[in-house]
Amino acid sequence: VQLQASGGGLAQAGGSLRLSCTASGSTFRITLGWYRQDPGKQRELVATITSGGQINYADSVKGRFTISRDGAEPTVYLQMNNLKPEDTAVYYCNAHRVIVTTPYDYWGQGTQVTVSS
């Protein structure tokens, strides 16, 4: 699975940004999502969406961020509204699947999101 992410950039607090990520390769029944990482911190989940449309959000972004996906070559979007300075991080697109009992994770290149106060 290959992931190509785009979007991100600089926004003011209260503003909006949109991230997108297109998956290619073997994408059957794959869960797509976004994670973020601050320097010196662990990578953390932001939101995921399964091939069946089940969605999971981190508590810190509920009500502000919306994840969606479409397309046979699936593209996952992250609409980020009411941004806060603490949302500043490098955001990574993720594809996840389980084959039998073995999990596989694939990562896109990170994209910087910076929110100024």
N, C-alpha and C. Protein backbone atom coordinates (compact mmCIF):
# COMPACT_ATOMS: atom_id res chain seq x y z
N VAL A 1 0.85 -1.18 0.00
CA VAL A 1 0.00 0.00 0.00
C VAL A 1 0.89 1.23 0.00
N GLN A 2 0.58 2.15 -0.89
CA GLN A 2 1.29 3.43 -0.92
C GLN A 2 0.31 4.54 -0.58
N LEU A 3 0.77 5.50 0.17
CA LEU A 3 -0.07 6.60 0.62
C LEU A 3 0.55 7.92 0.20
N GLN A 4 -0.26 8.76 -0.40
CA GLN A 4 0.19 10.08 -0.83
C GLN A 4 -0.69 11.13 -0.17
N ALA A 5 -0.10 11.88 0.74
CA ALA A 5 -0.85 12.88 1.51
C ALA A 5 -0.61 14.27 0.96
N SER A 6 -1.59 15.12 1.19
CA SER A 6 -1.46 16.53 0.81
C SER A 6 -2.29 17.36 1.76
N GLY A 7 -2.08 18.66 1.71
CA GLY A 7 -2.80 19.56 2.59
C GLY A 7 -1.91 20.01 3.73
N GLY A 8 -2.53 20.53 4.75
CA GLY A 8 -1.77 21.04 5.87
C GLY A 8 -1.35 22.47 5.64
N GLY A 9 -0.44 22.94 6.48
CA GLY A 9 0.04 24.31 6.36
C GLY A 9 -0.16 25.08 7.64
N LEU A 10 -0.36 26.37 7.47
CA LEU A 10 -0.47 27.28 8.61
C LEU A 10 -1.87 27.83 8.71
N ALA A 11 -2.39 27.87 9.92
CA ALA A 11 -3.71 28.45 10.16
C ALA A 11 -3.68 29.19 11.49
N GLN A 12 -4.60 30.12 11.62
CA GLN A 12 -4.77 30.80 12.91
C GLN A 12 -5.73 30.00 13.78
N ALA A 13 -5.63 30.19 15.06
CA ALA A 13 -6.57 29.54 15.98
C ALA A 13 -7.99 29.90 15.57
N GLY A 14 -8.84 28.87 15.56
CA GLY A 14 -10.21 29.06 15.12
C GLY A 14 -10.41 28.83 13.63
N GLY A 15 -9.32 28.69 12.91
CA GLY A 15 -9.40 28.49 11.48
C GLY A 15 -9.57 27.03 11.10
N SER A 16 -9.46 26.78 9.80
CA SER A 16 -9.68 25.44 9.26
C SER A 16 -8.59 25.05 8.28
N LEU A 17 -8.36 23.76 8.23
CA LEU A 17 -7.48 23.16 7.23
C LEU A 17 -8.04 21.81 6.82
N ARG A 18 -7.64 21.35 5.65
CA ARG A 18 -8.10 20.05 5.18
C ARG A 18 -6.91 19.23 4.70
N LEU A 19 -6.85 18.00 5.17
CA LEU A 19 -5.83 17.06 4.73
C LEU A 19 -6.49 16.00 3.85
N SER A 20 -5.74 15.52 2.88
CA SER A 20 -6.23 14.40 2.08
C SER A 20 -5.09 13.42 1.86
N CYS A 21 -5.46 12.17 1.62
CA CYS A 21 -4.47 11.12 1.44
C CYS A 21 -5.07 10.04 0.55
N THR A 22 -4.40 9.75 -0.54
CA THR A 22 -4.87 8.73 -1.47
C THR A 22 -4.05 7.46 -1.30
N ALA A 23 -4.76 6.35 -1.16
CA ALA A 23 -4.10 5.05 -1.03
C ALA A 23 -4.11 4.33 -2.37
N SER A 24 -3.04 3.65 -2.69
CA SER A 24 -2.95 2.85 -3.91
C SER A 24 -2.30 1.52 -3.58
N GLY A 25 -2.48 0.58 -4.48
CA GLY A 25 -1.98 -0.77 -4.23
C GLY A 25 -3.11 -1.66 -3.74
N SER A 26 -2.82 -2.54 -2.83
CA SER A 26 -3.81 -3.48 -2.30
C SER A 26 -4.59 -2.80 -1.19
N THR A 27 -5.75 -2.23 -1.53
CA THR A 27 -6.50 -1.42 -0.56
C THR A 27 -7.82 -2.05 -0.16
N PHE A 28 -8.01 -3.34 -0.48
CA PHE A 28 -9.26 -4.01 -0.13
C PHE A 28 -9.44 -4.06 1.37
N ARG A 29 -10.60 -3.60 1.83
CA ARG A 29 -10.99 -3.65 3.25
C ARG A 29 -9.91 -3.05 4.16
N ILE A 30 -9.41 -1.94 3.76
CA ILE A 30 -8.35 -1.32 4.55
C ILE A 30 -8.93 -0.17 5.37
N THR A 31 -8.48 -0.05 6.58
CA THR A 31 -8.85 1.08 7.43
C THR A 31 -7.85 2.21 7.18
N LEU A 32 -8.40 3.40 7.01
CA LEU A 32 -7.55 4.57 6.78
C LEU A 32 -7.68 5.52 7.97
N GLY A 33 -6.64 6.26 8.21
CA GLY A 33 -6.71 7.17 9.34
C GLY A 33 -5.61 8.19 9.34
N TRP A 34 -5.68 9.04 10.35
CA TRP A 34 -4.68 10.08 10.56
C TRP A 34 -4.16 9.99 11.98
N TYR A 35 -2.86 10.16 12.10
CA TYR A 35 -2.17 10.25 13.37
C TYR A 35 -1.35 11.53 13.35
N ARG A 36 -0.94 11.97 14.53
CA ARG A 36 -0.09 13.17 14.59
C ARG A 36 0.99 12.98 15.63
N GLN A 37 2.05 13.74 15.45
CA GLN A 37 3.19 13.61 16.34
C GLN A 37 3.87 14.95 16.52
N ASP A 38 4.05 15.31 17.79
CA ASP A 38 4.85 16.47 18.16
C ASP A 38 6.27 15.99 18.40
N PRO A 39 7.26 16.85 18.17
CA PRO A 39 8.64 16.45 18.50
C PRO A 39 8.76 16.04 19.96
N GLY A 40 9.39 14.92 20.20
CA GLY A 40 9.61 14.46 21.57
C GLY A 40 8.43 13.73 22.18
N LYS A 41 7.36 13.59 21.39
CA LYS A 41 6.18 12.90 21.90
C LYS A 41 5.87 11.69 21.04
N GLN A 42 5.04 10.82 21.58
CA GLN A 42 4.62 9.64 20.83
C GLN A 42 3.59 10.03 19.78
N ARG A 43 3.57 9.26 18.70
CA ARG A 43 2.55 9.46 17.70
C ARG A 43 1.20 9.08 18.29
N GLU A 44 0.19 9.90 18.04
CA GLU A 44 -1.13 9.64 18.62
C GLU A 44 -2.19 9.60 17.54
N LEU A 45 -3.21 8.80 17.82
CA LEU A 45 -4.33 8.69 16.90
C LEU A 45 -5.12 9.98 16.87
N VAL A 46 -5.54 10.37 15.65
CA VAL A 46 -6.45 11.50 15.50
C VAL A 46 -7.84 10.97 15.13
N ALA A 47 -7.91 10.19 14.06
CA ALA A 47 -9.18 9.63 13.61
C ALA A 47 -8.92 8.49 12.64
N THR A 48 -9.82 7.52 12.64
CA THR A 48 -9.75 6.43 11.68
C THR A 48 -11.13 6.16 11.11
N ILE A 49 -11.16 5.57 9.93
CA ILE A 49 -12.41 5.19 9.28
C ILE A 49 -12.19 3.86 8.57
N THR A 50 -13.07 2.90 8.85
CA THR A 50 -12.94 1.60 8.24
C THR A 50 -13.52 1.60 6.83
N SER A 51 -13.31 0.50 6.12
CA SER A 51 -13.89 0.38 4.78
C SER A 51 -15.41 0.36 4.85
N GLY A 52 -15.97 -0.02 5.99
CA GLY A 52 -17.42 -0.04 6.17
C GLY A 52 -17.97 1.27 6.71
N GLY A 53 -17.08 2.22 6.95
CA GLY A 53 -17.53 3.54 7.38
C GLY A 53 -17.56 3.77 8.88
N GLN A 54 -17.08 2.81 9.66
CA GLN A 54 -17.02 3.05 11.10
C GLN A 54 -15.91 4.04 11.41
N ILE A 55 -16.21 5.00 12.28
CA ILE A 55 -15.31 6.10 12.56
C ILE A 55 -14.94 6.14 14.03
N ASN A 56 -13.69 6.48 14.27
CA ASN A 56 -13.20 6.64 15.63
C ASN A 56 -12.40 7.93 15.70
N TYR A 57 -12.68 8.75 16.72
CA TYR A 57 -11.97 10.01 16.92
C TYR A 57 -11.27 10.03 18.27
N ALA A 58 -10.14 10.70 18.32
CA ALA A 58 -9.56 11.02 19.61
C ALA A 58 -10.47 12.03 20.31
N ASP A 59 -10.56 11.92 21.62
CA ASP A 59 -11.42 12.83 22.38
C ASP A 59 -11.06 14.29 22.13
N SER A 60 -9.79 14.56 21.92
CA SER A 60 -9.32 15.93 21.78
C SER A 60 -9.81 16.61 20.50
N VAL A 61 -10.27 15.83 19.54
CA VAL A 61 -10.69 16.42 18.27
C VAL A 61 -12.18 16.24 17.98
N LYS A 62 -12.87 15.52 18.83
CA LYS A 62 -14.31 15.28 18.62
C LYS A 62 -15.04 16.60 18.54
N GLY A 63 -15.92 16.70 17.55
CA GLY A 63 -16.70 17.91 17.37
C GLY A 63 -16.00 18.98 16.56
N ARG A 64 -14.72 18.81 16.30
CA ARG A 64 -13.96 19.81 15.52
C ARG A 64 -13.43 19.23 14.22
N PHE A 65 -13.03 17.97 14.24
CA PHE A 65 -12.47 17.32 13.05
C PHE A 65 -13.47 16.33 12.49
N THR A 66 -13.45 16.18 11.17
CA THR A 66 -14.31 15.21 10.50
C THR A 66 -13.48 14.40 9.53
N ILE A 67 -13.55 13.08 9.67
CA ILE A 67 -12.85 12.19 8.75
C ILE A 67 -13.87 11.60 7.78
N SER A 68 -13.46 11.43 6.53
CA SER A 68 -14.32 10.82 5.52
C SER A 68 -13.42 10.12 4.49
N ARG A 69 -14.06 9.27 3.68
CA ARG A 69 -13.29 8.58 2.65
C ARG A 69 -14.18 8.35 1.44
N ASP A 70 -13.59 8.25 0.27
CA ASP A 70 -14.34 7.92 -0.93
C ASP A 70 -13.41 7.35 -1.97
N GLY A 71 -14.04 6.79 -3.00
CA GLY A 71 -13.28 6.35 -4.15
C GLY A 71 -12.86 4.90 -4.08
N ALA A 72 -12.81 4.27 -5.25
CA ALA A 72 -12.33 2.90 -5.35
C ALA A 72 -10.84 2.83 -5.03
N GLU A 73 -10.12 3.85 -5.46
CA GLU A 73 -8.74 4.04 -4.98
C GLU A 73 -8.89 5.00 -3.82
N PRO A 74 -9.08 4.48 -2.63
CA PRO A 74 -9.67 5.31 -1.60
C PRO A 74 -8.82 6.52 -1.21
N THR A 75 -9.52 7.61 -1.03
CA THR A 75 -8.92 8.82 -0.50
C THR A 75 -9.57 9.12 0.83
N VAL A 76 -8.77 9.42 1.80
CA VAL A 76 -9.28 9.78 3.12
C VAL A 76 -9.01 11.26 3.34
N TYR A 77 -10.02 11.92 3.90
CA TYR A 77 -9.94 13.35 4.16
C TYR A 77 -10.03 13.60 5.66
N LEU A 78 -9.39 14.66 6.09
CA LEU A 78 -9.54 15.12 7.46
C LEU A 78 -9.83 16.62 7.41
N GLN A 79 -11.08 16.97 7.67
CA GLN A 79 -11.47 18.36 7.75
C GLN A 79 -11.27 18.82 9.18
N MET A 80 -10.43 19.80 9.36
CA MET A 80 -10.10 20.27 10.70
C MET A 80 -10.63 21.68 10.87
N ASN A 81 -11.62 21.83 11.75
CA ASN A 81 -12.23 23.14 12.03
C ASN A 81 -11.92 23.56 13.45
N ASN A 82 -12.11 24.83 13.71
CA ASN A 82 -11.86 25.38 15.05
C ASN A 82 -10.50 24.92 15.58
N LEU A 83 -9.50 25.10 14.77
CA LEU A 83 -8.17 24.64 15.14
C LEU A 83 -7.63 25.36 16.36
N LYS A 84 -6.85 24.63 17.14
CA LYS A 84 -6.23 25.16 18.35
C LYS A 84 -4.71 25.03 18.23
N PRO A 85 -3.97 25.87 18.93
CA PRO A 85 -2.51 25.76 18.88
C PRO A 85 -2.02 24.36 19.24
N GLU A 86 -2.71 23.69 20.12
CA GLU A 86 -2.29 22.33 20.51
C GLU A 86 -2.50 21.31 19.40
N ASP A 87 -3.15 21.70 18.31
CA ASP A 87 -3.28 20.80 17.15
C ASP A 87 -2.01 20.82 16.30
N THR A 88 -1.11 21.72 16.60
CA THR A 88 0.15 21.80 15.85
C THR A 88 0.93 20.50 15.98
N ALA A 89 1.26 19.91 14.85
CA ALA A 89 1.98 18.64 14.83
C ALA A 89 2.26 18.26 13.38
N VAL A 90 3.03 17.22 13.20
CA VAL A 90 3.14 16.58 11.90
C VAL A 90 2.06 15.51 11.83
N TYR A 91 1.25 15.57 10.80
CA TYR A 91 0.14 14.63 10.64
C TYR A 91 0.53 13.56 9.62
N TYR A 92 0.25 12.31 9.99
CA TYR A 92 0.61 11.16 9.16
C TYR A 92 -0.65 10.39 8.75
N CYS A 93 -0.74 10.11 7.47
CA CYS A 93 -1.79 9.23 6.97
C CYS A 93 -1.40 7.78 7.25
N ASN A 94 -2.39 6.98 7.62
CA ASN A 94 -2.14 5.58 7.96
C ASN A 94 -3.14 4.67 7.26
N ALA A 95 -2.63 3.53 6.81
CA ALA A 95 -3.50 2.46 6.32
C ALA A 95 -3.23 1.23 7.17
N HIS A 96 -4.31 0.58 7.59
CA HIS A 96 -4.19 -0.54 8.52
C HIS A 96 -5.05 -1.70 8.05
N ARG A 97 -4.50 -2.89 8.12
CA ARG A 97 -5.29 -4.09 7.85
C ARG A 97 -4.77 -5.22 8.72
N VAL A 98 -5.63 -6.21 8.90
CA VAL A 98 -5.25 -7.42 9.61
C VAL A 98 -5.41 -8.59 8.65
N ILE A 99 -4.37 -9.33 8.44
CA ILE A 99 -4.42 -10.52 7.60
C ILE A 99 -4.26 -11.73 8.52
N VAL A 100 -5.35 -12.50 8.59
CA VAL A 100 -5.47 -13.58 9.58
C VAL A 100 -5.41 -12.91 10.95
N THR A 101 -4.32 -12.98 11.63
CA THR A 101 -4.21 -12.30 12.94
C THR A 101 -3.07 -11.30 12.97
N THR A 102 -2.42 -11.08 11.84
CA THR A 102 -1.24 -10.21 11.80
C THR A 102 -1.63 -8.82 11.33
N PRO A 103 -1.37 -7.79 12.15
CA PRO A 103 -1.66 -6.42 11.73
C PRO A 103 -0.55 -5.86 10.84
N TYR A 104 -0.96 -5.08 9.86
CA TYR A 104 -0.02 -4.41 8.98
C TYR A 104 -0.37 -2.93 8.97
N ASP A 105 0.62 -2.10 9.11
CA ASP A 105 0.44 -0.64 9.07
C ASP A 105 1.34 -0.04 8.01
N TYR A 106 0.78 0.89 7.28
CA TYR A 106 1.50 1.60 6.24
C TYR A 106 1.37 3.09 6.53
N TRP A 107 2.42 3.86 6.25
CA TRP A 107 2.43 5.28 6.59
C TRP A 107 2.76 6.13 5.37
N GLY A 108 2.05 7.24 5.29
CA GLY A 108 2.40 8.23 4.29
C GLY A 108 3.45 9.18 4.84
N GLN A 109 3.89 10.07 3.97
CA GLN A 109 4.84 11.07 4.44
C GLN A 109 4.08 12.05 5.34
N GLY A 110 4.70 12.59 6.30
CA GLY A 110 4.04 13.52 7.20
C GLY A 110 3.79 14.86 6.55
N THR A 111 2.78 15.53 7.03
CA THR A 111 2.50 16.88 6.57
C THR A 111 2.34 17.78 7.79
N GLN A 112 3.00 18.92 7.77
CA GLN A 112 3.02 19.80 8.93
C GLN A 112 1.75 20.63 9.01
N VAL A 113 1.18 20.65 10.18
CA VAL A 113 0.07 21.55 10.50
C VAL A 113 0.53 22.46 11.65
N THR A 114 0.47 23.75 11.43
CA THR A 114 0.87 24.71 12.43
C THR A 114 -0.28 25.67 12.68
N VAL A 115 -0.68 25.78 13.94
CA VAL A 115 -1.78 26.67 14.32
C VAL A 115 -1.23 27.75 15.23
N SER A 116 -1.38 28.98 14.81
CA SER A 116 -0.88 30.10 15.60
C SER A 116 -1.99 30.68 16.46
N SER A 117 -1.59 31.17 17.62
CA SER A 117 -2.59 31.71 18.55
C SER A 117 -2.86 33.18 18.27
